[in-house]
């Protein structure tokens, strides 16, 4: 039996699709920025902080890296409010989960970038009479960022993909709106094809940019 495609049936729901895409992009940007801030602090403290600070940071990183994001999301939404005796909206639960999850991976990227900088840079800074903090800000971090940029972009691409899981707790992202439209018009092939195309349209330029940037940085390394 040949299937008769009808993308015109989605026209009345263009607003819902646009709303879902906006929420997906918004969650990506917000959690990526917050995760970058957490990752920077965690990565720096893990590499240059005292042992009593590094141990809990390592625990945080490994817990979030070694458990499935969906499990973390469900636990954050259903279990954490019971433990802390306070209500948590689906949006806040998703924001916290995606931020902490992304922060753990960003922290490892920062750690790897910092450790990739030759130790001679620290010695050169000390020879010039610079303090440790200034050496890190002026010499080490700029060189580390150059190494980290492709990995940071790739992780942000993964962050956007991970936002599709927020639909499991009824946050109105692109995938959730797709399921709502499917329930209304019973055209799953058209709906999820459009959803997939929109994800591709947003993600492909990012992945292409990351590849080109990696080649450019590699050529000048």
C-alpha atoms as a PDB file:
ATOM      1  CA  UNK A   1       0.000   0.000   0.000  1.00  0.00           C
ATOM      2  CA  UNK A   2       1.465   3.295  -1.121  1.00  0.00           C
ATOM      3  CA  UNK A   3       1.492   6.058   1.480  1.00  0.00           C
ATOM      4  CA  UNK A   4       0.068   9.419   0.468  1.00  0.00           C
ATOM      5  CA  UNK A   5       2.160  12.210   1.925  1.00  0.00           C
ATOM      6  CA  UNK A   6       0.365  15.388   2.981  1.00  0.00           C
ATOM      7  CA  UNK A   7       2.614  18.030   4.530  1.00  0.00           C
ATOM      8  CA  UNK A   8      -0.128  20.599   4.014  1.00  0.00           C
ATOM      9  CA  UNK A   9      -1.924  19.099   7.012  1.00  0.00           C
ATOM     10  CA  UNK A  10       0.790  20.617   9.223  1.00  0.00           C
ATOM     11  CA  UNK A  11       0.151  24.188   8.054  1.00  0.00           C
ATOM     12  CA  UNK A  12      -2.362  25.041  10.821  1.00  0.00           C
ATOM     13  CA  UNK A  13       0.206  23.907  13.393  1.00  0.00           C
ATOM     14  CA  UNK A  14       3.139  25.987  12.145  1.00  0.00           C
ATOM     15  CA  UNK A  15       2.873  28.141  15.265  1.00  0.00           C
ATOM     16  CA  UNK A  16       3.234  25.130  17.559  1.00  0.00           C
ATOM     17  CA  UNK A  17       6.225  23.891  15.587  1.00  0.00           C
ATOM     18  CA  UNK A  18       7.839  27.326  15.774  1.00  0.00           C
ATOM     19  CA  UNK A  19       7.169  27.518  19.506  1.00  0.00           C
ATOM     20  CA  UNK A  20       8.724  24.108  20.038  1.00  0.00           C
ATOM     21  CA  UNK A  21      11.803  25.062  17.993  1.00  0.00           C
ATOM     22  CA  UNK A  22      12.183  28.293  19.983  1.00  0.00           C
ATOM     23  CA  UNK A  23      12.006  26.401  23.304  1.00  0.00           C
ATOM     24  CA  UNK A  24      14.570  23.880  22.037  1.00  0.00           C
ATOM     25  CA  UNK A  25      16.999  26.622  21.017  1.00  0.00           C
ATOM     26  CA  UNK A  26      16.357  28.555  24.237  1.00  0.00           C
ATOM     27  CA  UNK A  27      17.120  25.526  26.400  1.00  0.00           C
ATOM     28  CA  UNK A  28      20.246  24.818  24.382  1.00  0.00           C
ATOM     29  CA  UNK A  29      21.631  28.342  24.733  1.00  0.00           C
ATOM     30  CA  UNK A  30      20.706  28.729  28.414  1.00  0.00           C
ATOM     31  CA  UNK A  31      22.014  25.343  29.550  1.00  0.00           C
ATOM     32  CA  UNK A  32      25.137  25.591  27.373  1.00  0.00           C
ATOM     33  CA  UNK A  33      26.081  28.983  28.854  1.00  0.00           C
ATOM     34  CA  UNK A  34      25.362  27.857  32.413  1.00  0.00           C
ATOM     35  CA  UNK A  35      27.169  24.557  31.782  1.00  0.00           C
ATOM     36  CA  UNK A  36      30.191  26.396  30.389  1.00  0.00           C
ATOM     37  CA  UNK A  37      30.393  28.499  33.549  1.00  0.00           C
ATOM     38  CA  UNK A  38      30.169  25.407  35.763  1.00  0.00           C
ATOM     39  CA  UNK A  39      32.603  23.508  33.551  1.00  0.00           C
ATOM     40  CA  UNK A  40      35.166  26.310  33.629  1.00  0.00           C
ATOM     41  CA  UNK A  41      35.091  26.530  37.426  1.00  0.00           C
ATOM     42  CA  UNK A  42      35.115  22.752  37.868  1.00  0.00           C
ATOM     43  CA  UNK A  43      37.865  22.213  35.284  1.00  0.00           C
ATOM     44  CA  UNK A  44      40.125  24.884  36.770  1.00  0.00           C
ATOM     45  CA  UNK A  45      39.625  23.717  40.355  1.00  0.00           C
ATOM     46  CA  UNK A  46      40.210  20.107  39.362  1.00  0.00           C
ATOM     47  CA  UNK A  47      43.536  20.898  37.733  1.00  0.00           C
ATOM     48  CA  UNK A  48      44.786  23.672  40.016  1.00  0.00           C
ATOM     49  CA  UNK A  49      42.730  23.455  43.185  1.00  0.00           C
ATOM     50  CA  UNK A  50      43.570  21.773  46.491  1.00  0.00           C
ATOM     51  CA  UNK A  51      42.839  18.080  46.879  1.00  0.00           C
ATOM     52  CA  UNK A  52      39.894  18.596  49.237  1.00  0.00           C
ATOM     53  CA  UNK A  53      38.201  20.637  46.483  1.00  0.00           C
ATOM     54  CA  UNK A  54      39.198  18.374  43.587  1.00  0.00           C
ATOM     55  CA  UNK A  55      37.715  15.196  45.126  1.00  0.00           C
ATOM     56  CA  UNK A  56      34.048  16.344  45.255  1.00  0.00           C
ATOM     57  CA  UNK A  57      34.420  17.910  41.808  1.00  0.00           C
ATOM     58  CA  UNK A  58      35.660  14.605  40.399  1.00  0.00           C
ATOM     59  CA  UNK A  59      32.706  12.874  42.071  1.00  0.00           C
ATOM     60  CA  UNK A  60      30.268  15.334  40.461  1.00  0.00           C
ATOM     61  CA  UNK A  61      31.846  14.918  37.026  1.00  0.00           C
ATOM     62  CA  UNK A  62      31.876  11.132  37.118  1.00  0.00           C
ATOM     63  CA  UNK A  63      28.320  10.834  38.473  1.00  0.00           C
ATOM     64  CA  UNK A  64      26.876  12.951  35.675  1.00  0.00           C
ATOM     65  CA  UNK A  65      29.090  11.466  32.963  1.00  0.00           C
ATOM     66  CA  UNK A  66      28.446   7.859  33.960  1.00  0.00           C
ATOM     67  CA  UNK A  67      24.661   7.868  34.349  1.00  0.00           C
ATOM     68  CA  UNK A  68      22.122   8.236  31.518  1.00  0.00           C
ATOM     69  CA  UNK A  69      20.755  11.724  31.031  1.00  0.00           C
ATOM     70  CA  UNK A  70      17.172  10.425  30.941  1.00  0.00           C
ATOM     71  CA  UNK A  71      17.629   8.792  34.352  1.00  0.00           C
ATOM     72  CA  UNK A  72      19.052  12.054  35.717  1.00  0.00           C
ATOM     73  CA  UNK A  73      16.127  14.007  34.294  1.00  0.00           C
ATOM     74  CA  UNK A  74      13.509  11.704  35.784  1.00  0.00           C
ATOM     75  CA  UNK A  75      15.313  11.646  39.152  1.00  0.00           C
ATOM     76  CA  UNK A  76      15.634  15.441  39.215  1.00  0.00           C
ATOM     77  CA  UNK A  77      11.941  15.904  38.457  1.00  0.00           C
ATOM     78  CA  UNK A  78      10.417  13.174  40.615  1.00  0.00           C
ATOM     79  CA  UNK A  79      12.908  12.364  43.389  1.00  0.00           C
ATOM     80  CA  UNK A  80      14.736  15.593  44.205  1.00  0.00           C
ATOM     81  CA  UNK A  81      11.568  17.556  45.148  1.00  0.00           C
ATOM     82  CA  UNK A  82      10.706  14.804  47.638  1.00  0.00           C
ATOM     83  CA  UNK A  83      14.173  14.955  49.208  1.00  0.00           C
ATOM     84  CA  UNK A  84      14.295  18.748  49.506  1.00  0.00           C
ATOM     85  CA  UNK A  85      10.587  19.119  50.298  1.00  0.00           C
ATOM     86  CA  UNK A  86       9.852  21.684  47.627  1.00  0.00           C
ATOM     87  CA  UNK A  87       8.018  21.754  44.330  1.00  0.00           C
ATOM     88  CA  UNK A  88       9.958  21.910  41.084  1.00  0.00           C
ATOM     89  CA  UNK A  89       8.496  22.775  37.710  1.00  0.00           C
ATOM     90  CA  UNK A  90       9.300  20.578  34.715  1.00  0.00           C
ATOM     91  CA  UNK A  91      11.151  23.488  33.128  1.00  0.00           C
ATOM     92  CA  UNK A  92      13.396  24.034  36.137  1.00  0.00           C
ATOM     93  CA  UNK A  93      14.105  20.315  36.495  1.00  0.00           C
ATOM     94  CA  UNK A  94      15.136  20.142  32.845  1.00  0.00           C
ATOM     95  CA  UNK A  95      17.281  23.265  33.109  1.00  0.00           C
ATOM     96  CA  UNK A  96      19.150  21.990  36.176  1.00  0.00           C
ATOM     97  CA  UNK A  97      19.666  18.530  34.721  1.00  0.00           C
ATOM     98  CA  UNK A  98      20.901  19.688  31.313  1.00  0.00           C
ATOM     99  CA  UNK A  99      23.123  22.331  32.912  1.00  0.00           C
ATOM    100  CA  UNK A 100      24.784  19.947  35.369  1.00  0.00           C
ATOM    101  CA  UNK A 101      25.084  17.206  32.756  1.00  0.00           C
ATOM    102  CA  UNK A 102      26.648  19.553  30.222  1.00  0.00           C
ATOM    103  CA  UNK A 103      28.825  21.142  32.905  1.00  0.00           C
ATOM    104  CA  UNK A 104      30.398  17.774  33.703  1.00  0.00           C
ATOM    105  CA  UNK A 105      31.465  17.286  30.078  1.00  0.00           C
ATOM    106  CA  UNK A 106      32.558  20.894  29.673  1.00  0.00           C
ATOM    107  CA  UNK A 107      34.679  20.483  32.825  1.00  0.00           C
ATOM    108  CA  UNK A 108      36.549  17.592  31.245  1.00  0.00           C
ATOM    109  CA  UNK A 109      37.091  19.624  28.082  1.00  0.00           C
ATOM    110  CA  UNK A 110      38.516  22.499  30.113  1.00  0.00           C
ATOM    111  CA  UNK A 111      40.682  20.114  32.112  1.00  0.00           C
ATOM    112  CA  UNK A 112      42.059  18.519  28.970  1.00  0.00           C
ATOM    113  CA  UNK A 113      42.723  21.889  27.365  1.00  0.00           C
ATOM    114  CA  UNK A 114      44.508  23.250  30.424  1.00  0.00           C
ATOM    115  CA  UNK A 115      46.657  20.152  30.787  1.00  0.00           C
ATOM    116  CA  UNK A 116      47.521  20.297  27.075  1.00  0.00           C
ATOM    117  CA  UNK A 117      49.359  23.590  27.602  1.00  0.00           C
ATOM    118  CA  UNK A 118      53.057  22.984  28.127  1.00  0.00           C
ATOM    119  CA  UNK A 119      54.188  23.344  31.746  1.00  0.00           C
ATOM    120  CA  UNK A 120      56.964  25.564  30.488  1.00  0.00           C
ATOM    121  CA  UNK A 121      54.379  28.334  30.138  1.00  0.00           C
ATOM    122  CA  UNK A 122      53.929  28.324  33.918  1.00  0.00           C
ATOM    123  CA  UNK A 123      57.681  28.440  34.441  1.00  0.00           C
ATOM    124  CA  UNK A 124      58.045  31.287  31.940  1.00  0.00           C
ATOM    125  CA  UNK A 125      55.374  33.260  33.757  1.00  0.00           C
ATOM    126  CA  UNK A 126      57.061  32.740  37.107  1.00  0.00           C
ATOM    127  CA  UNK A 127      60.360  33.836  35.598  1.00  0.00           C
ATOM    128  CA  UNK A 128      58.669  37.094  34.610  1.00  0.00           C
ATOM    129  CA  UNK A 129      57.466  37.595  38.165  1.00  0.00           C
ATOM    130  CA  UNK A 130      53.794  36.911  37.407  1.00  0.00           C
ATOM    131  CA  UNK A 131      51.465  35.519  40.044  1.00  0.00           C
ATOM    132  CA  UNK A 132      49.835  32.137  39.526  1.00  0.00           C
ATOM    133  CA  UNK A 133      46.395  33.602  38.794  1.00  0.00           C
ATOM    134  CA  UNK A 134      47.766  36.025  36.236  1.00  0.00           C
ATOM    135  CA  UNK A 135      49.804  33.290  34.565  1.00  0.00           C
ATOM    136  CA  UNK A 136      46.636  31.270  34.185  1.00  0.00           C
ATOM    137  CA  UNK A 137      44.573  34.172  32.823  1.00  0.00           C
ATOM    138  CA  UNK A 138      47.197  35.686  30.506  1.00  0.00           C
ATOM    139  CA  UNK A 139      49.215  32.685  29.317  1.00  0.00           C
ATOM    140  CA  UNK A 140      47.575  29.337  29.972  1.00  0.00           C
ATOM    141  CA  UNK A 141      43.840  29.922  29.437  1.00  0.00           C
ATOM    142  CA  UNK A 142      44.125  31.686  26.030  1.00  0.00           C
ATOM    143  CA  UNK A 143      46.221  28.813  24.672  1.00  0.00           C
ATOM    144  CA  UNK A 144      43.931  26.220  26.235  1.00  0.00           C
ATOM    145  CA  UNK A 145      40.815  27.807  24.729  1.00  0.00           C
ATOM    146  CA  UNK A 146      42.346  27.572  21.257  1.00  0.00           C
ATOM    147  CA  UNK A 147      42.671  23.821  21.732  1.00  0.00           C
ATOM    148  CA  UNK A 148      39.234  23.441  23.303  1.00  0.00           C
ATOM    149  CA  UNK A 149      37.040  25.371  20.857  1.00  0.00           C
ATOM    150  CA  UNK A 150      36.180  22.453  18.512  1.00  0.00           C
ATOM    151  CA  UNK A 151      35.357  20.189  21.460  1.00  0.00           C
ATOM    152  CA  UNK A 152      33.248  22.900  23.081  1.00  0.00           C
ATOM    153  CA  UNK A 153      31.254  23.342  19.879  1.00  0.00           C
ATOM    154  CA  UNK A 154      30.763  19.591  19.512  1.00  0.00           C
ATOM    155  CA  UNK A 155      29.539  19.349  23.096  1.00  0.00           C
ATOM    156  CA  UNK A 156      27.104  22.190  22.465  1.00  0.00           C
ATOM    157  CA  UNK A 157      25.781  20.282  19.442  1.00  0.00           C
ATOM    158  CA  UNK A 158      25.207  17.286  21.719  1.00  0.00           C
ATOM    159  CA  UNK A 159      23.532  19.623  24.201  1.00  0.00           C
ATOM    160  CA  UNK A 160      20.987  20.594  21.559  1.00  0.00           C
ATOM    161  CA  UNK A 161      20.310  16.946  20.761  1.00  0.00           C
ATOM    162  CA  UNK A 162      19.859  16.204  24.454  1.00  0.00           C
ATOM    163  CA  UNK A 163      17.101  18.792  24.755  1.00  0.00           C
ATOM    164  CA  UNK A 164      14.797  16.340  22.966  1.00  0.00           C
ATOM    165  CA  UNK A 165      14.571  14.424  26.261  1.00  0.00           C
ATOM    166  CA  UNK A 166      12.773  17.279  28.031  1.00  0.00           C
ATOM    167  CA  UNK A 167       9.607  16.160  26.257  1.00  0.00           C
ATOM    168  CA  UNK A 168       9.479  13.187  28.655  1.00  0.00           C
ATOM    169  CA  UNK A 169       8.388  15.540  31.465  1.00  0.00           C
ATOM    170  CA  UNK A 170       5.999  17.532  29.254  1.00  0.00           C
ATOM    171  CA  UNK A 171       8.217  20.514  28.454  1.00  0.00           C
ATOM    172  CA  UNK A 172       6.975  21.937  25.162  1.00  0.00           C
ATOM    173  CA  UNK A 173      10.089  21.541  23.029  1.00  0.00           C
ATOM    174  CA  UNK A 174      10.117  20.644  19.343  1.00  0.00           C
ATOM    175  CA  UNK A 175       9.689  16.905  19.900  1.00  0.00           C
ATOM    176  CA  UNK A 176       6.883  17.408  22.414  1.00  0.00           C
ATOM    177  CA  UNK A 177       4.980  19.685  20.063  1.00  0.00           C
ATOM    178  CA  UNK A 178       5.461  17.066  17.371  1.00  0.00           C
ATOM    179  CA  UNK A 179       3.765  14.455  19.548  1.00  0.00           C
ATOM    180  CA  UNK A 180       0.902  16.878  20.281  1.00  0.00           C
ATOM    181  CA  UNK A 181       0.370  17.538  16.571  1.00  0.00           C
ATOM    182  CA  UNK A 182       0.566  13.824  15.772  1.00  0.00           C
ATOM    183  CA  UNK A 183      -2.166  13.100  18.314  1.00  0.00           C
ATOM    184  CA  UNK A 184      -4.338  15.759  16.662  1.00  0.00           C
ATOM    185  CA  UNK A 185      -3.960  14.914  12.974  1.00  0.00           C
ATOM    186  CA  UNK A 186      -2.640  11.319  12.982  1.00  0.00           C
ATOM    187  CA  UNK A 187       0.120  12.073  10.449  1.00  0.00           C
ATOM    188  CA  UNK A 188       3.240  10.846  12.271  1.00  0.00           C
ATOM    189  CA  UNK A 189       5.362  10.447   9.137  1.00  0.00           C
ATOM    190  CA  UNK A 190       4.938  14.052   8.087  1.00  0.00           C
ATOM    191  CA  UNK A 191       5.224  15.441  11.610  1.00  0.00           C
ATOM    192  CA  UNK A 192       8.388  13.629  12.627  1.00  0.00           C
ATOM    193  CA  UNK A 193       9.957  14.165   9.209  1.00  0.00           C
ATOM    194  CA  UNK A 194       9.546  17.920   9.688  1.00  0.00           C
ATOM    195  CA  UNK A 195      10.888  17.638  13.249  1.00  0.00           C
ATOM    196  CA  UNK A 196      13.943  15.732  12.018  1.00  0.00           C
ATOM    197  CA  UNK A 197      14.550  18.243   9.203  1.00  0.00           C
ATOM    198  CA  UNK A 198      14.377  21.172  11.645  1.00  0.00           C
ATOM    199  CA  UNK A 199      16.892  19.516  13.961  1.00  0.00           C
ATOM    200  CA  UNK A 200      19.163  18.953  10.968  1.00  0.00           C
ATOM    201  CA  UNK A 201      18.818  22.557   9.765  1.00  0.00           C
ATOM    202  CA  UNK A 202      19.870  23.838  13.177  1.00  0.00           C
ATOM    203  CA  UNK A 203      22.588  21.269  13.873  1.00  0.00           C
ATOM    204  CA  UNK A 204      24.323  20.914  10.511  1.00  0.00           C
ATOM    205  CA  UNK A 205      25.782  24.448  10.369  1.00  0.00           C
ATOM    206  CA  UNK A 206      27.158  23.953  13.888  1.00  0.00           C
ATOM    207  CA  UNK A 207      28.827  20.644  13.045  1.00  0.00           C
ATOM    208  CA  UNK A 208      30.152  22.069   9.777  1.00  0.00           C
ATOM    209  CA  UNK A 209      31.552  25.084  11.610  1.00  0.00           C
ATOM    210  CA  UNK A 210      33.178  22.858  14.224  1.00  0.00           C
ATOM    211  CA  UNK A 211      34.862  20.768  11.512  1.00  0.00           C
ATOM    212  CA  UNK A 212      36.201  23.807   9.659  1.00  0.00           C
ATOM    213  CA  UNK A 213      37.369  25.441  12.875  1.00  0.00           C
ATOM    214  CA  UNK A 214      39.146  22.274  13.936  1.00  0.00           C
ATOM    215  CA  UNK A 215      40.982  22.112  10.608  1.00  0.00           C
ATOM    216  CA  UNK A 216      41.916  25.795  10.815  1.00  0.00           C
ATOM    217  CA  UNK A 217      43.223  25.510  14.350  1.00  0.00           C
ATOM    218  CA  UNK A 218      45.053  22.313  13.487  1.00  0.00           C
ATOM    219  CA  UNK A 219      46.807  24.029  10.609  1.00  0.00           C
ATOM    220  CA  UNK A 220      48.163  26.738  12.920  1.00  0.00           C
ATOM    221  CA  UNK A 221      48.930  24.501  15.895  1.00  0.00           C
END
